[in-house]
Amino acid sequence: MTDNQQVDDTIHDIVERIRNYRTQMEELDNRVNDLKDELRQLLESRGENWADNQGYARIVSEGERAYYDAEALDKLIINDPLHYGWLKDYRHTASIQSRIQVK
């Protein structure tokens, strides 16, 4: 077997392993999503979050979260500290989908 053939065989083996791992990860992701759907139903019927000494399971509500461009705010505060009213111009929001969070 030539060196190139050996390299090609090794590449093929690694690519196949990566493909197999990705398939396994996709299957596990699907299982986790199914369990999260079931968990959401249980938490909703319970009416509250759940916790133990290792973590928690909770529903993160849908809504908007605010965040700010820290670099732009730093420049504004340093260069023009008397005009904090401009902070609203640097306010950004992002929509957050409701999800189940488990720690």
Protein backbone atom coordinates (compact mmCIF):
# COMPACT_ATOMS: atom_id res chain seq x y z
CA MET A 1 0.00 0.00 0.00
CA THR A 2 1.35 3.42 -0.94
CA ASP A 3 1.67 6.35 1.44
CA ASN A 4 -1.06 8.20 -0.48
CA GLN A 5 -3.36 5.20 -0.19
CA GLN A 6 -2.70 5.01 3.53
CA VAL A 7 -3.48 8.71 3.91
CA ASP A 8 -6.64 8.32 1.82
CA ASP A 9 -7.75 5.35 3.91
CA THR A 10 -7.15 7.27 7.13
CA ILE A 11 -9.06 10.28 5.78
CA HIS A 12 -11.93 8.00 4.76
CA ASP A 13 -12.04 6.40 8.20
CA ILE A 14 -12.05 9.76 9.97
CA VAL A 15 -14.76 11.15 7.68
CA GLU A 16 -16.90 8.07 8.30
CA ARG A 17 -16.45 8.40 12.06
CA ILE A 18 -17.44 12.07 11.92
CA ARG A 19 -20.52 11.20 9.85
CA ASN A 20 -21.49 8.47 12.29
CA TYR A 21 -21.01 10.77 15.29
CA ARG A 22 -23.11 13.45 13.63
CA THR A 23 -25.87 10.93 13.02
CA GLN A 24 -25.70 9.81 16.65
CA MET A 25 -25.77 13.44 17.82
CA GLU A 26 -28.81 14.13 15.66
CA GLU A 27 -30.58 11.10 17.11
CA LEU A 28 -29.69 12.19 20.64
CA ASP A 29 -30.84 15.76 19.91
CA ASN A 30 -34.18 14.36 18.75
CA ARG A 31 -34.50 12.31 21.94
CA VAL A 32 -33.62 15.33 24.08
CA ASN A 33 -36.19 17.46 22.23
CA ASP A 34 -38.85 14.81 22.76
CA LEU A 35 -38.03 14.68 26.47
CA LYS A 36 -38.11 18.48 26.68
CA ASP A 37 -41.58 18.48 25.12
CA GLU A 38 -42.73 16.00 27.75
CA LEU A 39 -41.00 17.99 30.48
CA ARG A 40 -42.70 21.21 29.33
CA GLN A 41 -46.09 19.54 29.65
CA LEU A 42 -45.25 18.26 33.12
CA LEU A 43 -43.94 21.62 34.33
CA GLU A 44 -46.99 23.40 32.93
CA SER A 45 -49.32 20.95 34.68
CA ARG A 46 -47.29 21.32 37.89
CA GLY A 47 -47.57 25.10 37.64
CA GLU A 48 -44.02 25.83 38.73
CA ASN A 49 -40.38 25.08 38.09
CA TRP A 50 -38.61 22.08 39.58
CA ALA A 51 -35.22 21.85 41.30
CA ASP A 52 -33.00 19.43 43.16
CA ASN A 53 -29.54 19.74 44.70
CA GLN A 54 -27.88 19.39 41.27
CA GLY A 55 -29.84 21.89 39.23
CA TYR A 56 -33.28 22.70 37.91
CA ALA A 57 -35.83 22.38 35.14
CA ARG A 58 -37.74 25.48 34.22
CA ILE A 59 -39.67 27.08 31.40
CA VAL A 60 -37.98 30.19 30.08
CA SER A 61 -40.76 32.51 29.04
CA GLU A 62 -41.03 33.95 25.57
CA GLY A 63 -40.35 37.65 25.28
CA GLU A 64 -37.79 40.25 24.47
CA ARG A 65 -34.48 40.73 26.18
CA ALA A 66 -32.62 44.04 26.09
CA TYR A 67 -28.90 44.34 25.56
CA TYR A 68 -26.59 47.22 24.86
CA ASP A 69 -23.58 47.76 22.61
CA ALA A 70 -21.00 48.06 25.38
CA GLU A 71 -18.28 49.52 23.17
CA ALA A 72 -20.58 52.27 21.85
CA LEU A 73 -21.81 53.06 25.37
CA ASP A 74 -18.25 53.24 26.68
CA LYS A 75 -17.33 55.71 23.94
CA LEU A 76 -20.44 57.78 24.60
CA ILE A 77 -19.83 57.93 28.34
CA ILE A 78 -16.18 58.85 27.89
CA ASN A 79 -16.67 61.39 25.09
CA ASP A 80 -20.01 62.94 26.10
CA PRO A 81 -20.89 62.15 29.72
CA LEU A 82 -23.51 64.89 30.01
CA HIS A 83 -25.86 63.33 27.49
CA TYR A 84 -26.82 59.94 29.00
CA GLY A 85 -30.21 60.36 27.36
CA TRP A 86 -28.63 59.06 24.18
CA LEU A 87 -28.41 55.62 25.76
CA LYS A 88 -31.80 54.75 24.28
CA ASP A 89 -30.28 55.08 20.79
CA TYR A 90 -27.94 52.22 21.60
CA ARG A 91 -30.57 49.90 23.03
CA HIS A 92 -31.07 46.66 21.14
CA THR A 93 -33.65 43.97 21.69
CA ALA A 94 -33.77 40.36 20.64
CA SER A 95 -36.74 38.03 20.61
CA ILE A 96 -36.27 34.97 22.78
CA GLN A 97 -38.35 31.89 22.15
CA SER A 98 -39.85 30.04 25.04
CA ARG A 99 -37.82 26.95 25.86
CA ILE A 100 -37.16 24.40 28.54
CA GLN A 101 -33.95 24.92 30.46
CA VAL A 102 -32.38 22.09 32.43
CA LYS A 103 -29.26 22.40 34.50
